[in-house]
Amino acid sequence: IVDAGISECWPCYLLTNGIKQKVASDLENVVFIDTIKAGLTTEHEPYGNVDKAHYDASSEILLGKLFVQALSSVL
């Protein structure tokens, strides 16, 4: 299982990401991607109406690459 953190715009992001990280550290073959540490951003799209709840396109591409790296580490 590969899971990724949620962005800082969510009120409970620290708690949620902490739980996700704890599960990953406690269980075998579970990986947590720290999206904040990876520098993923939300502020670039959609233009004129930024969606802070979701990562922007360049960050989604990076997240996909991080998922591939994470899967490679457990396969």
N, C-alpha and C. Protein backbone atom coordinates (compact mmCIF):
# COMPACT_ATOMS: atom_id res chain seq x y z
N ILE A 1 0.85 -1.17 0.00
CA ILE A 1 0.00 0.00 0.00
C ILE A 1 0.90 1.23 0.00
N VAL A 2 0.58 2.17 -0.87
CA VAL A 2 1.27 3.45 -0.88
C VAL A 2 0.21 4.52 -0.61
N ASP A 3 0.46 5.35 0.37
CA ASP A 3 -0.47 6.41 0.75
C ASP A 3 0.29 7.73 0.77
N ALA A 4 -0.42 8.80 0.49
CA ALA A 4 0.21 10.12 0.46
C ALA A 4 -0.51 11.06 1.43
N GLY A 5 0.24 12.03 1.90
CA GLY A 5 -0.32 13.02 2.81
C GLY A 5 -1.26 13.98 2.13
N ILE A 6 -2.06 14.64 2.95
CA ILE A 6 -2.96 15.67 2.45
C ILE A 6 -2.30 17.03 2.64
N SER A 7 -2.80 18.02 1.92
CA SER A 7 -2.18 19.35 1.96
C SER A 7 -2.52 20.10 3.24
N GLU A 8 -1.77 21.15 3.45
CA GLU A 8 -1.91 21.97 4.66
C GLU A 8 -3.19 22.78 4.71
N CYS A 9 -3.96 22.79 3.65
CA CYS A 9 -5.20 23.58 3.67
C CYS A 9 -6.27 22.93 4.54
N TRP A 10 -6.15 21.65 4.80
CA TRP A 10 -7.15 20.95 5.60
C TRP A 10 -6.88 21.19 7.09
N PRO A 11 -7.92 21.52 7.85
CA PRO A 11 -7.74 21.82 9.27
C PRO A 11 -7.07 20.69 10.06
N CYS A 12 -7.31 19.47 9.69
CA CYS A 12 -6.77 18.34 10.46
C CYS A 12 -5.60 17.65 9.75
N TYR A 13 -4.89 18.38 8.89
CA TYR A 13 -3.83 17.75 8.10
C TYR A 13 -2.72 17.15 8.97
N LEU A 14 -2.35 17.80 10.06
CA LEU A 14 -1.29 17.25 10.91
C LEU A 14 -1.71 15.93 11.54
N LEU A 15 -2.92 15.87 12.05
CA LEU A 15 -3.43 14.64 12.64
C LEU A 15 -3.57 13.54 11.59
N THR A 16 -4.18 13.88 10.47
CA THR A 16 -4.39 12.90 9.40
C THR A 16 -3.07 12.36 8.87
N ASN A 17 -2.14 13.24 8.55
CA ASN A 17 -0.85 12.80 8.03
C ASN A 17 -0.07 12.02 9.09
N GLY A 18 -0.21 12.41 10.35
CA GLY A 18 0.46 11.67 11.42
C GLY A 18 -0.06 10.24 11.53
N ILE A 19 -1.36 10.07 11.42
CA ILE A 19 -1.95 8.73 11.47
C ILE A 19 -1.50 7.91 10.27
N LYS A 20 -1.53 8.50 9.10
CA LYS A 20 -1.08 7.79 7.89
C LYS A 20 0.38 7.36 8.03
N GLN A 21 1.20 8.24 8.55
CA GLN A 21 2.62 7.94 8.73
C GLN A 21 2.82 6.83 9.76
N LYS A 22 2.05 6.86 10.84
CA LYS A 22 2.15 5.83 11.89
C LYS A 22 1.76 4.47 11.34
N VAL A 23 0.68 4.40 10.58
CA VAL A 23 0.26 3.14 9.97
C VAL A 23 1.37 2.60 9.07
N ALA A 24 1.95 3.48 8.28
CA ALA A 24 3.02 3.05 7.37
C ALA A 24 4.24 2.54 8.13
N SER A 25 4.53 3.14 9.27
CA SER A 25 5.70 2.69 10.03
C SER A 25 5.42 1.40 10.80
N ASP A 26 4.15 1.15 11.12
CA ASP A 26 3.79 -0.03 11.89
C ASP A 26 3.54 -1.28 11.05
N LEU A 27 3.19 -1.10 9.79
CA LEU A 27 2.82 -2.24 8.95
C LEU A 27 3.84 -2.48 7.84
N GLU A 28 4.05 -3.73 7.56
CA GLU A 28 4.97 -4.11 6.50
C GLU A 28 4.36 -3.80 5.14
N ASN A 29 5.18 -3.41 4.21
CA ASN A 29 4.76 -3.11 2.84
C ASN A 29 3.75 -1.97 2.73
N VAL A 30 3.83 -1.03 3.65
CA VAL A 30 3.03 0.19 3.57
C VAL A 30 4.01 1.36 3.57
N VAL A 31 3.83 2.26 2.63
CA VAL A 31 4.72 3.40 2.47
C VAL A 31 3.89 4.68 2.52
N PHE A 32 4.39 5.67 3.24
CA PHE A 32 3.74 6.98 3.30
C PHE A 32 4.60 7.98 2.55
N ILE A 33 3.98 8.74 1.67
CA ILE A 33 4.66 9.81 0.95
C ILE A 33 4.33 11.13 1.64
N ASP A 34 5.35 11.79 2.14
CA ASP A 34 5.18 13.07 2.81
C ASP A 34 5.12 14.16 1.74
N THR A 35 3.93 14.54 1.35
CA THR A 35 3.75 15.50 0.26
C THR A 35 4.20 16.90 0.63
N ILE A 36 4.15 17.22 1.91
CA ILE A 36 4.60 18.55 2.35
C ILE A 36 6.12 18.62 2.26
N LYS A 37 6.77 17.60 2.76
CA LYS A 37 8.24 17.54 2.69
C LYS A 37 8.72 17.51 1.23
N ALA A 38 7.91 16.88 0.36
CA ALA A 38 8.26 16.79 -1.06
C ALA A 38 8.03 18.11 -1.79
N GLY A 39 7.37 19.06 -1.13
CA GLY A 39 7.18 20.37 -1.71
C GLY A 39 6.01 20.49 -2.68
N LEU A 40 5.06 19.57 -2.62
CA LEU A 40 3.91 19.66 -3.51
C LEU A 40 3.11 20.92 -3.21
N THR A 41 2.56 21.53 -4.25
CA THR A 41 1.87 22.80 -4.11
C THR A 41 0.43 22.73 -4.62
N THR A 42 -0.35 23.68 -4.17
CA THR A 42 -1.76 23.75 -4.57
C THR A 42 -2.12 25.08 -5.22
N GLU A 43 -1.21 26.01 -5.22
CA GLU A 43 -1.59 27.39 -5.56
C GLU A 43 -1.46 27.81 -7.02
N HIS A 44 -1.21 26.90 -7.92
CA HIS A 44 -0.97 27.32 -9.30
C HIS A 44 -2.15 27.12 -10.25
N GLU A 45 -3.17 26.36 -9.87
CA GLU A 45 -4.31 26.13 -10.77
C GLU A 45 -5.56 25.86 -9.96
N PRO A 46 -6.69 25.89 -10.59
CA PRO A 46 -6.91 26.48 -11.90
C PRO A 46 -6.70 27.99 -11.86
N TYR A 47 -6.24 28.51 -12.96
CA TYR A 47 -5.92 29.93 -13.03
C TYR A 47 -7.16 30.78 -12.74
N GLY A 48 -7.00 31.74 -11.88
CA GLY A 48 -8.09 32.63 -11.53
C GLY A 48 -9.03 32.09 -10.46
N ASN A 49 -8.92 30.80 -10.14
CA ASN A 49 -9.79 30.19 -9.13
C ASN A 49 -9.03 29.02 -8.50
N VAL A 50 -7.97 29.33 -7.78
CA VAL A 50 -7.08 28.31 -7.23
C VAL A 50 -7.84 27.35 -6.31
N ASP A 51 -7.56 26.08 -6.47
CA ASP A 51 -8.17 25.02 -5.66
C ASP A 51 -7.16 24.57 -4.62
N LYS A 52 -7.22 25.13 -3.43
CA LYS A 52 -6.26 24.82 -2.37
C LYS A 52 -6.41 23.40 -1.83
N ALA A 53 -7.54 22.76 -2.10
CA ALA A 53 -7.79 21.42 -1.58
C ALA A 53 -7.10 20.32 -2.39
N HIS A 54 -6.59 20.65 -3.56
CA HIS A 54 -5.97 19.64 -4.43
C HIS A 54 -4.64 20.15 -4.96
N TYR A 55 -3.72 19.24 -5.16
CA TYR A 55 -2.41 19.62 -5.70
C TYR A 55 -2.56 20.08 -7.14
N ASP A 56 -1.72 21.02 -7.55
CA ASP A 56 -1.76 21.51 -8.92
C ASP A 56 -1.11 20.51 -9.87
N ALA A 57 -1.19 20.77 -11.15
CA ALA A 57 -0.77 19.79 -12.16
C ALA A 57 0.68 19.35 -12.02
N SER A 58 1.59 20.30 -11.85
CA SER A 58 3.01 19.91 -11.74
C SER A 58 3.24 19.08 -10.49
N SER A 59 2.51 19.35 -9.43
CA SER A 59 2.65 18.55 -8.21
C SER A 59 2.02 17.17 -8.37
N GLU A 60 0.94 17.07 -9.13
CA GLU A 60 0.33 15.76 -9.40
C GLU A 60 1.30 14.88 -10.20
N ILE A 61 2.02 15.47 -11.13
CA ILE A 61 3.02 14.72 -11.89
C ILE A 61 4.12 14.23 -10.96
N LEU A 62 4.60 15.12 -10.10
CA LEU A 62 5.62 14.73 -9.13
C LEU A 62 5.08 13.64 -8.20
N LEU A 63 3.84 13.77 -7.76
CA LEU A 63 3.25 12.77 -6.88
C LEU A 63 3.20 11.40 -7.57
N GLY A 64 2.88 11.38 -8.84
CA GLY A 64 2.89 10.13 -9.60
C GLY A 64 4.27 9.49 -9.60
N LYS A 65 5.30 10.30 -9.78
CA LYS A 65 6.68 9.80 -9.75
C LYS A 65 7.05 9.29 -8.36
N LEU A 66 6.56 9.98 -7.33
CA LEU A 66 6.83 9.53 -5.96
C LEU A 66 6.13 8.21 -5.66
N PHE A 67 4.93 8.02 -6.22
CA PHE A 67 4.24 6.75 -6.06
C PHE A 67 5.03 5.62 -6.73
N VAL A 68 5.56 5.87 -7.91
CA VAL A 68 6.36 4.85 -8.62
C VAL A 68 7.59 4.49 -7.78
N GLN A 69 8.28 5.49 -7.25
CA GLN A 69 9.45 5.23 -6.41
C GLN A 69 9.06 4.42 -5.18
N ALA A 70 7.95 4.78 -4.56
CA ALA A 70 7.51 4.08 -3.36
C ALA A 70 7.14 2.64 -3.68
N LEU A 71 6.44 2.42 -4.77
CA LEU A 71 6.09 1.05 -5.16
C LEU A 71 7.33 0.23 -5.45
N SER A 72 8.30 0.84 -6.08
CA SER A 72 9.56 0.15 -6.39
C SER A 72 10.26 -0.31 -5.13
N SER A 73 10.08 0.43 -4.04
CA SER A 73 10.76 0.07 -2.80
C SER A 73 10.12 -1.11 -2.09
N VAL A 74 8.88 -1.44 -2.40
CA VAL A 74 8.21 -2.54 -1.72
C VAL A 74 7.98 -3.75 -2.61
N LEU A 75 8.26 -3.65 -3.89
CA LEU A 75 8.04 -4.78 -4.79
C LEU A 75 9.26 -5.67 -4.87
